[in-house]
C-alpha atoms as a PDB file:
ATOM      1  CA  UNK A   1      43.236 -40.776 -69.156  1.00  0.00           C
ATOM      2  CA  UNK A   2      39.738 -39.513 -68.975  1.00  0.00           C
ATOM      3  CA  UNK A   3      36.892 -41.865 -67.620  1.00  0.00           C
ATOM      4  CA  UNK A   4      33.129 -42.192 -66.919  1.00  0.00           C
ATOM      5  CA  UNK A   5      31.907 -43.280 -63.440  1.00  0.00           C
ATOM      6  CA  UNK A   6      28.286 -43.400 -62.880  1.00  0.00           C
ATOM      7  CA  UNK A   7      27.353 -42.066 -59.164  1.00  0.00           C
ATOM      8  CA  UNK A   8      24.054 -42.393 -57.379  1.00  0.00           C
ATOM      9  CA  UNK A   9      23.057 -38.755 -56.785  1.00  0.00           C
ATOM     10  CA  UNK A  10      25.234 -36.639 -59.336  1.00  0.00           C
ATOM     11  CA  UNK A  11      24.836 -38.999 -62.296  1.00  0.00           C
ATOM     12  CA  UNK A  12      27.913 -39.783 -64.809  1.00  0.00           C
ATOM     13  CA  UNK A  13      30.984 -37.823 -63.793  1.00  0.00           C
ATOM     14  CA  UNK A  14      34.029 -37.686 -65.970  1.00  0.00           C
ATOM     15  CA  UNK A  15      37.387 -38.368 -64.127  1.00  0.00           C
ATOM     16  CA  UNK A  16      40.423 -36.917 -65.647  1.00  0.00           C
ATOM     17  CA  UNK A  17      43.670 -38.510 -64.149  1.00  0.00           C
ATOM     18  CA  UNK A  18      46.096 -37.360 -66.996  1.00  0.00           C
ATOM     19  CA  UNK A  19      47.455 -34.414 -65.078  1.00  0.00           C
ATOM     20  CA  UNK A  20      50.074 -35.859 -63.084  1.00  0.00           C
ATOM     21  CA  UNK A  21      49.611 -35.155 -59.416  1.00  0.00           C
ATOM     22  CA  UNK A  22      46.006 -33.581 -60.029  1.00  0.00           C
ATOM     23  CA  UNK A  23      43.131 -35.370 -60.766  1.00  0.00           C
ATOM     24  CA  UNK A  24      40.139 -33.387 -61.808  1.00  0.00           C
ATOM     25  CA  UNK A  25      36.413 -34.748 -61.798  1.00  0.00           C
ATOM     26  CA  UNK A  26      33.765 -33.043 -63.949  1.00  0.00           C
ATOM     27  CA  UNK A  27      30.196 -33.349 -62.674  1.00  0.00           C
ATOM     28  CA  UNK A  28      26.613 -31.665 -63.047  1.00  0.00           C
ATOM     29  CA  UNK A  29      24.736 -30.378 -60.054  1.00  0.00           C
ATOM     30  CA  UNK A  30      21.131 -29.075 -60.664  1.00  0.00           C
ATOM     31  CA  UNK A  31      22.218 -28.372 -64.157  1.00  0.00           C
ATOM     32  CA  UNK A  32      25.539 -26.615 -63.628  1.00  0.00           C
ATOM     33  CA  UNK A  33      29.022 -27.646 -63.760  1.00  0.00           C
ATOM     34  CA  UNK A  34      30.848 -28.427 -60.777  1.00  0.00           C
ATOM     35  CA  UNK A  35      34.441 -29.129 -60.333  1.00  0.00           C
ATOM     36  CA  UNK A  36      36.220 -31.624 -57.791  1.00  0.00           C
ATOM     37  CA  UNK A  37      40.033 -31.608 -57.433  1.00  0.00           C
ATOM     38  CA  UNK A  38      42.306 -34.274 -56.075  1.00  0.00           C
ATOM     39  CA  UNK A  39      45.977 -33.205 -55.301  1.00  0.00           C
ATOM     40  CA  UNK A  40      48.630 -35.678 -54.265  1.00  0.00           C
ATOM     41  CA  UNK A  41      46.187 -38.081 -52.942  1.00  0.00           C
ATOM     42  CA  UNK A  42      46.088 -41.862 -53.111  1.00  0.00           C
ATOM     43  CA  UNK A  43      42.960 -41.644 -55.080  1.00  0.00           C
ATOM     44  CA  UNK A  44      42.869 -45.285 -56.441  1.00  0.00           C
ATOM     45  CA  UNK A  45      43.279 -46.745 -53.031  1.00  0.00           C
ATOM     46  CA  UNK A  46      40.601 -44.631 -51.496  1.00  0.00           C
ATOM     47  CA  UNK A  47      38.446 -44.589 -54.754  1.00  0.00           C
ATOM     48  CA  UNK A  48      35.269 -45.875 -52.937  1.00  0.00           C
ATOM     49  CA  UNK A  49      35.531 -43.644 -50.042  1.00  0.00           C
ATOM     50  CA  UNK A  50      35.982 -40.691 -52.220  1.00  0.00           C
ATOM     51  CA  UNK A  51      33.092 -41.562 -54.227  1.00  0.00           C
ATOM     52  CA  UNK A  52      30.880 -41.839 -51.413  1.00  0.00           C
ATOM     53  CA  UNK A  53      31.834 -38.562 -50.154  1.00  0.00           C
ATOM     54  CA  UNK A  54      31.280 -36.984 -53.917  1.00  0.00           C
ATOM     55  CA  UNK A  55      28.052 -38.712 -53.965  1.00  0.00           C
ATOM     56  CA  UNK A  56      26.917 -36.517 -50.879  1.00  0.00           C
ATOM     57  CA  UNK A  57      27.471 -33.022 -52.902  1.00  0.00           C
ATOM     58  CA  UNK A  58      24.006 -32.082 -51.830  1.00  0.00           C
ATOM     59  CA  UNK A  59      24.420 -32.577 -48.335  1.00  0.00           C
ATOM     60  CA  UNK A  60      27.925 -31.041 -48.413  1.00  0.00           C
ATOM     61  CA  UNK A  61      26.532 -28.001 -50.331  1.00  0.00           C
ATOM     62  CA  UNK A  62      23.466 -27.598 -47.633  1.00  0.00           C
ATOM     63  CA  UNK A  63      25.952 -28.047 -44.915  1.00  0.00           C
ATOM     64  CA  UNK A  64      28.345 -25.388 -46.197  1.00  0.00           C
ATOM     65  CA  UNK A  65      25.645 -23.108 -46.698  1.00  0.00           C
ATOM     66  CA  UNK A  66      24.626 -23.348 -43.144  1.00  0.00           C
ATOM     67  CA  UNK A  67      27.839 -22.957 -41.800  1.00  0.00           C
ATOM     68  CA  UNK A  68      28.391 -19.688 -43.529  1.00  0.00           C
ATOM     69  CA  UNK A  69      24.811 -18.544 -42.376  1.00  0.00           C
ATOM     70  CA  UNK A  70      25.320 -19.377 -38.803  1.00  0.00           C
ATOM     71  CA  UNK A  71      28.801 -18.127 -38.525  1.00  0.00           C
ATOM     72  CA  UNK A  72      28.806 -14.905 -40.554  1.00  0.00           C
ATOM     73  CA  UNK A  73      29.084 -12.747 -37.713  1.00  0.00           C
ATOM     74  CA  UNK A  74      30.974 -15.208 -35.468  1.00  0.00           C
ATOM     75  CA  UNK A  75      33.888 -16.083 -37.636  1.00  0.00           C
ATOM     76  CA  UNK A  76      36.090 -12.906 -38.535  1.00  0.00           C
ATOM     77  CA  UNK A  77      37.392 -14.591 -41.613  1.00  0.00           C
ATOM     78  CA  UNK A  78      34.054 -15.516 -42.816  1.00  0.00           C
ATOM     79  CA  UNK A  79      32.751 -11.817 -42.248  1.00  0.00           C
ATOM     80  CA  UNK A  80      35.904 -10.188 -43.847  1.00  0.00           C
ATOM     81  CA  UNK A  81      35.655 -12.757 -46.967  1.00  0.00           C
ATOM     82  CA  UNK A  82      32.183 -10.969 -47.698  1.00  0.00           C
ATOM     83  CA  UNK A  83      32.925  -7.304 -46.302  1.00  0.00           C
ATOM     84  CA  UNK A  84      36.084  -6.580 -48.093  1.00  0.00           C
ATOM     85  CA  UNK A  85      34.217  -6.665 -51.159  1.00  0.00           C
ATOM     86  CA  UNK A  86      32.171  -3.444 -50.074  1.00  0.00           C
ATOM     87  CA  UNK A  87      35.547  -1.851 -49.799  1.00  0.00           C
ATOM     88  CA  UNK A  88      36.895  -2.555 -53.287  1.00  0.00           C
ATOM     89  CA  UNK A  89      33.818  -2.810 -55.582  1.00  0.00           C
ATOM     90  CA  UNK A  90      31.684   0.061 -56.902  1.00  0.00           C
ATOM     91  CA  UNK A  91      28.106   0.270 -56.025  1.00  0.00           C
ATOM     92  CA  UNK A  92      26.946  -1.165 -59.421  1.00  0.00           C
ATOM     93  CA  UNK A  93      29.045  -4.402 -59.027  1.00  0.00           C
ATOM     94  CA  UNK A  94      28.002  -4.601 -55.138  1.00  0.00           C
ATOM     95  CA  UNK A  95      24.408  -4.396 -56.330  1.00  0.00           C
ATOM     96  CA  UNK A  96      24.965  -6.996 -59.302  1.00  0.00           C
ATOM     97  CA  UNK A  97      26.336  -9.578 -56.733  1.00  0.00           C
ATOM     98  CA  UNK A  98      24.787  -8.675 -53.243  1.00  0.00           C
ATOM     99  CA  UNK A  99      21.908  -6.740 -54.034  1.00  0.00           C
ATOM    100  CA  UNK A 100      22.683  -4.266 -51.854  1.00  0.00           C
ATOM    101  CA  UNK A 101      25.626  -1.311 -51.609  1.00  0.00           C
ATOM    102  CA  UNK A 102      26.194  -1.284 -48.038  1.00  0.00           C
ATOM    103  CA  UNK A 103      27.839  -4.021 -45.723  1.00  0.00           C
ATOM    104  CA  UNK A 104      25.222  -3.133 -43.065  1.00  0.00           C
ATOM    105  CA  UNK A 105      22.414  -4.158 -45.515  1.00  0.00           C
ATOM    106  CA  UNK A 106      23.814  -7.429 -46.392  1.00  0.00           C
ATOM    107  CA  UNK A 107      22.014 -10.435 -45.752  1.00  0.00           C
ATOM    108  CA  UNK A 108      23.995 -13.707 -46.274  1.00  0.00           C
ATOM    109  CA  UNK A 109      20.701 -15.653 -46.603  1.00  0.00           C
ATOM    110  CA  UNK A 110      19.808 -13.932 -49.644  1.00  0.00           C
ATOM    111  CA  UNK A 111      23.146 -13.943 -51.356  1.00  0.00           C
ATOM    112  CA  UNK A 112      24.405 -17.717 -50.759  1.00  0.00           C
ATOM    113  CA  UNK A 113      21.821 -19.273 -53.143  1.00  0.00           C
ATOM    114  CA  UNK A 114      23.007 -16.980 -55.788  1.00  0.00           C
ATOM    115  CA  UNK A 115      26.626 -17.913 -55.432  1.00  0.00           C
ATOM    116  CA  UNK A 116      27.881 -20.306 -57.688  1.00  0.00           C
ATOM    117  CA  UNK A 117      28.215 -23.982 -56.676  1.00  0.00           C
ATOM    118  CA  UNK A 118      31.203 -24.497 -54.706  1.00  0.00           C
ATOM    119  CA  UNK A 119      34.224 -26.602 -56.107  1.00  0.00           C
ATOM    120  CA  UNK A 120      35.574 -29.591 -53.689  1.00  0.00           C
ATOM    121  CA  UNK A 121      39.144 -30.089 -53.075  1.00  0.00           C
ATOM    122  CA  UNK A 122      40.710 -32.920 -51.662  1.00  0.00           C
ATOM    123  CA  UNK A 123      44.396 -33.013 -50.729  1.00  0.00           C
ATOM    124  CA  UNK A 124      46.521 -34.993 -48.334  1.00  0.00           C
ATOM    125  CA  UNK A 125      46.844 -34.429 -44.875  1.00  0.00           C
ATOM    126  CA  UNK A 126      50.016 -34.796 -42.328  1.00  0.00           C
ATOM    127  CA  UNK A 127      48.135 -37.980 -40.713  1.00  0.00           C
ATOM    128  CA  UNK A 128      46.475 -39.164 -44.139  1.00  0.00           C
ATOM    129  CA  UNK A 129      43.148 -38.617 -42.757  1.00  0.00           C
ATOM    130  CA  UNK A 130      40.530 -37.791 -45.588  1.00  0.00           C
ATOM    131  CA  UNK A 131      39.531 -33.922 -45.538  1.00  0.00           C
ATOM    132  CA  UNK A 132      38.284 -31.955 -48.196  1.00  0.00           C
ATOM    133  CA  UNK A 133      37.583 -28.290 -48.633  1.00  0.00           C
ATOM    134  CA  UNK A 134      34.540 -26.655 -50.111  1.00  0.00           C
ATOM    135  CA  UNK A 135      35.611 -23.533 -52.155  1.00  0.00           C
ATOM    136  CA  UNK A 136      33.495 -20.608 -52.634  1.00  0.00           C
ATOM    137  CA  UNK A 137      33.955 -17.568 -54.730  1.00  0.00           C
ATOM    138  CA  UNK A 138      31.214 -14.590 -54.778  1.00  0.00           C
ATOM    139  CA  UNK A 139      31.227 -14.464 -58.418  1.00  0.00           C
ATOM    140  CA  UNK A 140      33.338 -15.926 -61.703  1.00  0.00           C
ATOM    141  CA  UNK A 141      34.693 -12.164 -62.127  1.00  0.00           C
ATOM    142  CA  UNK A 142      35.549 -11.633 -58.575  1.00  0.00           C
ATOM    143  CA  UNK A 143      37.624 -14.948 -57.600  1.00  0.00           C
ATOM    144  CA  UNK A 144      40.500 -13.216 -56.056  1.00  0.00           C
ATOM    145  CA  UNK A 145      39.758 -14.719 -52.495  1.00  0.00           C
ATOM    146  CA  UNK A 146      38.489 -18.235 -51.735  1.00  0.00           C
ATOM    147  CA  UNK A 147      36.381 -19.048 -48.961  1.00  0.00           C
ATOM    148  CA  UNK A 148      37.153 -22.444 -47.491  1.00  0.00           C
ATOM    149  CA  UNK A 149      35.001 -24.661 -45.353  1.00  0.00           C
ATOM    150  CA  UNK A 150      36.977 -27.778 -44.438  1.00  0.00           C
ATOM    151  CA  UNK A 151      35.301 -31.175 -43.563  1.00  0.00           C
ATOM    152  CA  UNK A 152      36.355 -34.510 -42.581  1.00  0.00           C
ATOM    153  CA  UNK A 153      35.133 -37.592 -44.164  1.00  0.00           C
ATOM    154  CA  UNK A 154      32.199 -37.764 -41.641  1.00  0.00           C
ATOM    155  CA  UNK A 155      31.107 -34.388 -42.788  1.00  0.00           C
ATOM    156  CA  UNK A 156      32.182 -32.552 -39.558  1.00  0.00           C
ATOM    157  CA  UNK A 157      33.228 -29.005 -40.239  1.00  0.00           C
ATOM    158  CA  UNK A 158      37.067 -28.449 -39.285  1.00  0.00           C
ATOM    159  CA  UNK A 159      37.766 -24.849 -40.085  1.00  0.00           C
ATOM    160  CA  UNK A 160      36.392 -21.894 -41.901  1.00  0.00           C
ATOM    161  CA  UNK A 161      38.818 -19.360 -43.370  1.00  0.00           C
ATOM    162  CA  UNK A 162      39.732 -17.480 -46.487  1.00  0.00           C
ATOM    163  CA  UNK A 163      42.601 -17.535 -48.915  1.00  0.00           C
END
C-alpha cells in the first residue's frame, strides 16, 4: 500500500510498503527526488523514530559531506572510492564528473556538492540497534561502486566504506 505522510522538513513523503521485506520512501530535498529504503526492519514498531531521523535529512546530508571532506586522505576506502574512477574513466568523463582529469588535482570540496543527494538505507542490525547508511554514487551513469557512511540514531558516524 502507498500512503502519504507529512514531515516537518521534507514535506509530504510517499511510503510504499507493498514490496514485501522492503519499504521505499519517496521524498523531495531541495527540489530533487531522494530515496529512503528499509529492509527487514520493524518499520511500524519504530515508525516515530524513523520519521524523526528522516526529517533530519538536511543534517545527515551535511554531516556526511563533512565526513567525506575530513576523511578523504585518512580513510583508504574513501580515497579509493574516488581515485579508482581516475583509472577507469576517459578524460572527458573525468572532466564532466570531477572537473579535472588527474586525481592529484581532485578537490573533494568542489565535487561533493555536484554529486547526487544520497540515499538513506535502514536495515536490521544484530543487536536491533537503529543504524542507517548514507549511500553515494559519483553519478547516475557510474554507480558500480557505492560509498557508504553509516550512522547510528544519534547521528554519530560508525564507519565509512565502499561496496
